[in-house]
Amino acid sequence: MITVGYEQARGLREAYQKADGYSASASRTMAAGIERLYGAWADPALRSLWLGAAPVAVTRSKDGRSMNMAWNAGDSRVEVTFTPQGAGKSKVTVQHDRLADRDAVAEKKGFWAGALGRLKQLLEKAA
Protein backbone atom coordinates (compact mmCIF):
# COMPACT_ATOMS: atom_id res chain seq x y z
CA MET A 1 0.00 0.00 0.00
CA ILE A 2 2.82 2.37 0.80
CA THR A 3 4.47 1.65 -2.53
CA VAL A 4 1.23 2.25 -4.43
CA GLY A 5 0.68 5.57 -2.63
CA TYR A 6 4.25 6.65 -3.36
CA GLU A 7 3.95 5.73 -7.04
CA GLN A 8 0.59 7.50 -7.38
CA ALA A 9 1.95 10.66 -5.76
CA ARG A 10 4.80 10.77 -8.28
CA GLY A 11 2.65 10.00 -11.33
CA LEU A 12 4.14 6.54 -11.81
CA ARG A 13 0.82 4.79 -11.23
CA GLU A 14 -2.76 5.89 -11.94
CA ALA A 15 -5.60 5.89 -9.44
CA TYR A 16 -7.04 2.38 -8.94
CA GLN A 17 -3.95 0.83 -10.55
CA LYS A 18 -2.11 -2.01 -8.81
CA ALA A 19 0.77 -4.21 -9.88
CA ASP A 20 -1.59 -6.74 -11.51
CA GLY A 21 -4.06 -4.30 -13.09
CA TYR A 22 -6.77 -1.98 -11.86
CA SER A 23 -9.15 -2.42 -8.95
CA ALA A 24 -12.73 -1.29 -8.28
CA SER A 25 -14.55 -1.52 -4.97
CA ALA A 26 -18.01 -0.98 -3.54
CA SER A 27 -19.60 -1.51 -0.14
CA ARG A 28 -23.01 -1.31 1.45
CA THR A 29 -24.38 -1.64 4.97
CA MET A 30 -27.67 -3.51 5.18
CA ALA A 31 -30.36 -4.09 7.76
CA ALA A 32 -29.76 -7.84 7.74
CA GLY A 33 -27.74 -10.15 9.93
CA ILE A 34 -24.45 -11.53 8.69
CA GLU A 35 -25.93 -15.02 8.15
CA ARG A 36 -28.63 -13.72 5.80
CA LEU A 37 -26.20 -11.50 3.94
CA TYR A 38 -23.63 -14.26 3.50
CA GLY A 39 -26.38 -16.70 2.49
CA ALA A 40 -27.52 -14.38 -0.30
CA TRP A 41 -24.02 -14.67 -1.77
CA ALA A 42 -23.39 -18.34 -1.04
CA ASP A 43 -26.65 -19.74 -2.47
CA PRO A 44 -26.49 -19.65 -6.30
CA ALA A 45 -30.30 -19.39 -6.64
CA LEU A 46 -30.49 -16.42 -4.25
CA ARG A 47 -27.40 -14.83 -5.81
CA SER A 48 -28.98 -14.93 -9.27
CA LEU A 49 -31.99 -12.93 -7.98
CA TRP A 50 -29.91 -9.81 -7.40
CA LEU A 51 -26.69 -10.47 -9.37
CA GLY A 52 -28.40 -11.78 -12.48
CA ALA A 53 -26.32 -13.83 -14.89
CA ALA A 54 -22.99 -12.32 -13.87
CA PRO A 55 -20.18 -14.69 -14.90
CA VAL A 56 -18.92 -15.54 -11.40
CA ALA A 57 -17.77 -18.80 -9.85
CA VAL A 58 -17.01 -19.14 -6.14
CA THR A 59 -13.44 -20.36 -5.72
CA ARG A 60 -13.11 -20.11 -1.94
CA SER A 61 -15.23 -19.10 0.99
CA LYS A 62 -14.79 -18.70 4.72
CA ASP A 63 -18.23 -19.29 6.14
CA GLY A 64 -19.74 -15.95 7.09
CA ARG A 65 -16.54 -13.92 6.69
CA SER A 66 -15.31 -13.80 3.10
CA MET A 67 -15.65 -15.22 -0.38
CA ASN A 68 -13.41 -15.23 -3.43
CA MET A 69 -14.82 -15.50 -6.93
CA ALA A 70 -13.49 -15.83 -10.44
CA TRP A 71 -15.05 -13.47 -12.97
CA ASN A 72 -15.27 -15.86 -15.90
CA ALA A 73 -15.52 -13.16 -18.57
CA GLY A 74 -11.82 -12.27 -18.50
CA ASP A 75 -9.11 -12.86 -15.95
CA SER A 76 -10.40 -10.68 -13.12
CA ARG A 77 -11.09 -11.73 -9.54
CA VAL A 78 -13.68 -10.67 -6.98
CA GLU A 79 -13.09 -10.63 -3.22
CA VAL A 80 -16.08 -10.17 -0.93
CA THR A 81 -15.89 -9.56 2.82
CA PHE A 82 -18.72 -9.55 5.34
CA THR A 83 -18.60 -7.54 8.58
CA PRO A 84 -21.18 -7.44 11.39
CA GLN A 85 -22.30 -3.88 12.16
CA GLY A 86 -24.29 -4.36 15.35
CA ALA A 87 -27.75 -5.74 16.03
CA GLY A 88 -29.35 -6.84 12.79
CA LYS A 89 -26.93 -4.99 10.51
CA SER A 90 -23.98 -6.07 8.41
CA LYS A 91 -21.68 -4.65 5.77
CA VAL A 92 -20.51 -6.23 2.54
CA THR A 93 -17.41 -4.98 0.72
CA VAL A 94 -16.60 -6.06 -2.83
CA GLN A 95 -13.20 -5.59 -4.43
CA HIS A 96 -12.91 -6.47 -8.12
CA ASP A 97 -9.23 -6.85 -9.08
CA ARG A 98 -7.17 -7.44 -12.23
CA LEU A 99 -9.21 -5.08 -14.38
CA ALA A 100 -7.72 -3.95 -17.69
CA ASP A 101 -8.00 -0.16 -17.40
CA ARG A 102 -9.77 2.84 -15.83
CA ASP A 103 -12.77 2.38 -18.11
CA ALA A 104 -13.22 -1.13 -16.69
CA VAL A 105 -12.97 0.34 -13.17
CA ALA A 106 -15.80 2.79 -13.88
CA GLU A 107 -17.93 0.05 -15.42
CA LYS A 108 -17.39 -2.37 -12.52
CA LYS A 109 -17.98 0.32 -9.88
CA GLY A 110 -21.35 1.01 -11.50
CA PHE A 111 -22.11 -2.69 -11.83
CA TRP A 112 -21.35 -3.47 -8.18
CA ALA A 113 -23.18 -0.37 -6.89
CA GLY A 114 -26.30 -1.52 -8.75
CA ALA A 115 -25.94 -5.13 -7.65
CA LEU A 116 -25.48 -4.19 -3.98
CA GLY A 117 -28.49 -1.87 -4.21
CA ARG A 118 -30.62 -4.76 -5.51
CA LEU A 119 -29.27 -7.04 -2.77
CA LYS A 120 -30.12 -4.45 -0.10
CA GLN A 121 -33.67 -4.15 -1.44
CA LEU A 122 -34.08 -7.92 -1.50
CA LEU A 123 -32.81 -8.47 2.03
CA GLU A 124 -34.55 -5.53 3.65
CA LYS A 125 -37.86 -6.20 1.91
CA ALA A 126 -37.82 -9.80 3.16
CA ALA A 127 -37.05 -8.74 6.74
C-alpha atoms as a PDB file:
ATOM      1  CA  MET A   1       0.000   0.000   0.000  1.00  0.00           C
ATOM      2  CA  ILE A   2       2.815   2.374   0.799  1.00  0.00           C
ATOM      3  CA  THR A   3       4.469   1.655  -2.533  1.00  0.00           C
ATOM      4  CA  VAL A   4       1.231   2.247  -4.425  1.00  0.00           C
ATOM      5  CA  GLY A   5       0.676   5.574  -2.632  1.00  0.00           C
ATOM      6  CA  TYR A   6       4.251   6.646  -3.356  1.00  0.00           C
ATOM      7  CA  GLU A   7       3.953   5.734  -7.044  1.00  0.00           C
ATOM      8  CA  GLN A   8       0.588   7.502  -7.381  1.00  0.00           C
ATOM      9  CA  ALA A   9       1.953  10.664  -5.760  1.00  0.00           C
ATOM     10  CA  ARG A  10       4.798  10.774  -8.281  1.00  0.00           C
ATOM     11  CA  GLY A  11       2.652   9.999 -11.334  1.00  0.00           C
ATOM     12  CA  LEU A  12       4.135   6.540 -11.807  1.00  0.00           C
ATOM     13  CA  ARG A  13       0.820   4.794 -11.227  1.00  0.00           C
ATOM     14  CA  GLU A  14      -2.760   5.885 -11.940  1.00  0.00           C
ATOM     15  CA  ALA A  15      -5.603   5.886  -9.436  1.00  0.00           C
ATOM     16  CA  TYR A  16      -7.044   2.382  -8.943  1.00  0.00           C
ATOM     17  CA  GLN A  17      -3.949   0.827 -10.546  1.00  0.00           C
ATOM     18  CA  LYS A  18      -2.111  -2.009  -8.809  1.00  0.00           C
ATOM     19  CA  ALA A  19       0.770  -4.206  -9.878  1.00  0.00           C
ATOM     20  CA  ASP A  20      -1.590  -6.737 -11.515  1.00  0.00           C
ATOM     21  CA  GLY A  21      -4.062  -4.303 -13.094  1.00  0.00           C
ATOM     22  CA  TYR A  22      -6.767  -1.981 -11.861  1.00  0.00           C
ATOM     23  CA  SER A  23      -9.153  -2.425  -8.947  1.00  0.00           C
ATOM     24  CA  ALA A  24     -12.734  -1.294  -8.282  1.00  0.00           C
ATOM     25  CA  SER A  25     -14.550  -1.517  -4.972  1.00  0.00           C
ATOM     26  CA  ALA A  26     -18.014  -0.979  -3.540  1.00  0.00           C
ATOM     27  CA  SER A  27     -19.596  -1.511  -0.143  1.00  0.00           C
ATOM     28  CA  ARG A  28     -23.014  -1.313   1.447  1.00  0.00           C
ATOM     29  CA  THR A  29     -24.381  -1.639   4.966  1.00  0.00           C
ATOM     30  CA  MET A  30     -27.667  -3.505   5.179  1.00  0.00           C
ATOM     31  CA  ALA A  31     -30.361  -4.087   7.762  1.00  0.00           C
ATOM     32  CA  ALA A  32     -29.758  -7.840   7.738  1.00  0.00           C
ATOM     33  CA  GLY A  33     -27.743 -10.154   9.925  1.00  0.00           C
ATOM     34  CA  ILE A  34     -24.454 -11.528   8.686  1.00  0.00           C
ATOM     35  CA  GLU A  35     -25.929 -15.015   8.154  1.00  0.00           C
ATOM     36  CA  ARG A  36     -28.630 -13.723   5.798  1.00  0.00           C
ATOM     37  CA  LEU A  37     -26.196 -11.500   3.940  1.00  0.00           C
ATOM     38  CA  TYR A  38     -23.632 -14.260   3.505  1.00  0.00           C
ATOM     39  CA  GLY A  39     -26.384 -16.705   2.489  1.00  0.00           C
ATOM     40  CA  ALA A  40     -27.521 -14.380  -0.303  1.00  0.00           C
ATOM     41  CA  TRP A  41     -24.019 -14.669  -1.773  1.00  0.00           C
ATOM     42  CA  ALA A  42     -23.394 -18.344  -1.042  1.00  0.00           C
ATOM     43  CA  ASP A  43     -26.650 -19.744  -2.473  1.00  0.00           C
ATOM     44  CA  PRO A  44     -26.489 -19.649  -6.301  1.00  0.00           C
ATOM     45  CA  ALA A  45     -30.297 -19.386  -6.639  1.00  0.00           C
ATOM     46  CA  LEU A  46     -30.486 -16.416  -4.252  1.00  0.00           C
ATOM     47  CA  ARG A  47     -27.404 -14.830  -5.807  1.00  0.00           C
ATOM     48  CA  SER A  48     -28.984 -14.928  -9.273  1.00  0.00           C
ATOM     49  CA  LEU A  49     -31.993 -12.927  -7.981  1.00  0.00           C
ATOM     50  CA  TRP A  50     -29.906  -9.809  -7.400  1.00  0.00           C
ATOM     51  CA  LEU A  51     -26.692 -10.475  -9.368  1.00  0.00           C
ATOM     52  CA  GLY A  52     -28.398 -11.779 -12.484  1.00  0.00           C
ATOM     53  CA  ALA A  53     -26.322 -13.833 -14.887  1.00  0.00           C
ATOM     54  CA  ALA A  54     -22.989 -12.318 -13.870  1.00  0.00           C
ATOM     55  CA  PRO A  55     -20.180 -14.687 -14.902  1.00  0.00           C
ATOM     56  CA  VAL A  56     -18.922 -15.543 -11.403  1.00  0.00           C
ATOM     57  CA  ALA A  57     -17.773 -18.803  -9.846  1.00  0.00           C
ATOM     58  CA  VAL A  58     -17.010 -19.138  -6.142  1.00  0.00           C
ATOM     59  CA  THR A  59     -13.443 -20.360  -5.723  1.00  0.00           C
ATOM     60  CA  ARG A  60     -13.112 -20.107  -1.945  1.00  0.00           C
ATOM     61  CA  SER A  61     -15.235 -19.101   0.991  1.00  0.00           C
ATOM     62  CA  LYS A  62     -14.788 -18.702   4.718  1.00  0.00           C
ATOM     63  CA  ASP A  63     -18.232 -19.292   6.144  1.00  0.00           C
ATOM     64  CA  GLY A  64     -19.744 -15.952   7.092  1.00  0.00           C
ATOM     65  CA  ARG A  65     -16.538 -13.924   6.690  1.00  0.00           C
ATOM     66  CA  SER A  66     -15.315 -13.803   3.101  1.00  0.00           C
ATOM     67  CA  MET A  67     -15.654 -15.224  -0.377  1.00  0.00           C
ATOM     68  CA  ASN A  68     -13.408 -15.225  -3.433  1.00  0.00           C
ATOM     69  CA  MET A  69     -14.824 -15.501  -6.930  1.00  0.00           C
ATOM     70  CA  ALA A  70     -13.486 -15.825 -10.442  1.00  0.00           C
ATOM     71  CA  TRP A  71     -15.047 -13.466 -12.970  1.00  0.00           C
ATOM     72  CA  ASN A  72     -15.268 -15.856 -15.900  1.00  0.00           C
ATOM     73  CA  ALA A  73     -15.515 -13.158 -18.575  1.00  0.00           C
ATOM     74  CA  GLY A  74     -11.822 -12.274 -18.497  1.00  0.00           C
ATOM     75  CA  ASP A  75      -9.108 -12.864 -15.945  1.00  0.00           C
ATOM     76  CA  SER A  76     -10.398 -10.679 -13.123  1.00  0.00           C
ATOM     77  CA  ARG A  77     -11.092 -11.726  -9.535  1.00  0.00           C
ATOM     78  CA  VAL A  78     -13.680 -10.670  -6.977  1.00  0.00           C
ATOM     79  CA  GLU A  79     -13.087 -10.630  -3.223  1.00  0.00           C
ATOM     80  CA  VAL A  80     -16.079 -10.170  -0.927  1.00  0.00           C
ATOM     81  CA  THR A  81     -15.891  -9.563   2.823  1.00  0.00           C
ATOM     82  CA  PHE A  82     -18.722  -9.548   5.343  1.00  0.00           C
ATOM     83  CA  THR A  83     -18.595  -7.539   8.580  1.00  0.00           C
ATOM     84  CA  PRO A  84     -21.178  -7.439  11.388  1.00  0.00           C
ATOM     85  CA  GLN A  85     -22.295  -3.879  12.163  1.00  0.00           C
ATOM     86  CA  GLY A  86     -24.286  -4.357  15.349  1.00  0.00           C
ATOM     87  CA  ALA A  87     -27.746  -5.739  16.033  1.00  0.00           C
ATOM     88  CA  GLY A  88     -29.354  -6.838  12.786  1.00  0.00           C
ATOM     89  CA  LYS A  89     -26.930  -4.987  10.507  1.00  0.00           C
ATOM     90  CA  SER A  90     -23.976  -6.066   8.414  1.00  0.00           C
ATOM     91  CA  LYS A  91     -21.679  -4.652   5.767  1.00  0.00           C
ATOM     92  CA  VAL A  92     -20.509  -6.225   2.540  1.00  0.00           C
ATOM     93  CA  THR A  93     -17.413  -4.982   0.717  1.00  0.00           C
ATOM     94  CA  VAL A  94     -16.603  -6.057  -2.835  1.00  0.00           C
ATOM     95  CA  GLN A  95     -13.205  -5.593  -4.433  1.00  0.00           C
ATOM     96  CA  HIS A  96     -12.911  -6.470  -8.123  1.00  0.00           C
ATOM     97  CA  ASP A  97      -9.235  -6.849  -9.085  1.00  0.00           C
ATOM     98  CA  ARG A  98      -7.168  -7.438 -12.233  1.00  0.00           C
ATOM     99  CA  LEU A  99      -9.208  -5.079 -14.381  1.00  0.00           C
ATOM    100  CA  ALA A 100      -7.725  -3.951 -17.691  1.00  0.00           C
ATOM    101  CA  ASP A 101      -7.997  -0.164 -17.397  1.00  0.00           C
ATOM    102  CA  ARG A 102      -9.768   2.839 -15.828  1.00  0.00           C
ATOM    103  CA  ASP A 103     -12.772   2.376 -18.115  1.00  0.00           C
ATOM    104  CA  ALA A 104     -13.222  -1.127 -16.688  1.00  0.00           C
ATOM    105  CA  VAL A 105     -12.970   0.345 -13.171  1.00  0.00           C
ATOM    106  CA  ALA A 106     -15.805   2.787 -13.882  1.00  0.00           C
ATOM    107  CA  GLU A 107     -17.925   0.045 -15.422  1.00  0.00           C
ATOM    108  CA  LYS A 108     -17.394  -2.374 -12.516  1.00  0.00           C
ATOM    109  CA  LYS A 109     -17.981   0.322  -9.884  1.00  0.00           C
ATOM    110  CA  GLY A 110     -21.349   1.007 -11.502  1.00  0.00           C
ATOM    111  CA  PHE A 111     -22.114  -2.693 -11.833  1.00  0.00           C
ATOM    112  CA  TRP A 112     -21.353  -3.468  -8.178  1.00  0.00           C
ATOM    113  CA  ALA A 113     -23.178  -0.373  -6.885  1.00  0.00           C
ATOM    114  CA  GLY A 114     -26.297  -1.516  -8.750  1.00  0.00           C
ATOM    115  CA  ALA A 115     -25.938  -5.130  -7.646  1.00  0.00           C
ATOM    116  CA  LEU A 116     -25.480  -4.192  -3.984  1.00  0.00           C
ATOM    117  CA  GLY A 117     -28.488  -1.875  -4.212  1.00  0.00           C
ATOM    118  CA  ARG A 118     -30.619  -4.765  -5.511  1.00  0.00           C
ATOM    119  CA  LEU A 119     -29.271  -7.038  -2.772  1.00  0.00           C
ATOM    120  CA  LYS A 120     -30.123  -4.451  -0.105  1.00  0.00           C
ATOM    121  CA  GLN A 121     -33.675  -4.147  -1.437  1.00  0.00           C
ATOM    122  CA  LEU A 122     -34.083  -7.924  -1.504  1.00  0.00           C
ATOM    123  CA  LEU A 123     -32.812  -8.470   2.030  1.00  0.00           C
ATOM    124  CA  GLU A 124     -34.548  -5.525   3.647  1.00  0.00           C
ATOM    125  CA  LYS A 125     -37.863  -6.201   1.910  1.00  0.00           C
ATOM    126  CA  ALA A 126     -37.821  -9.802   3.159  1.00  0.00           C
ATOM    127  CA  ALA A 127     -37.051  -8.742   6.744  1.00  0.00           C
END
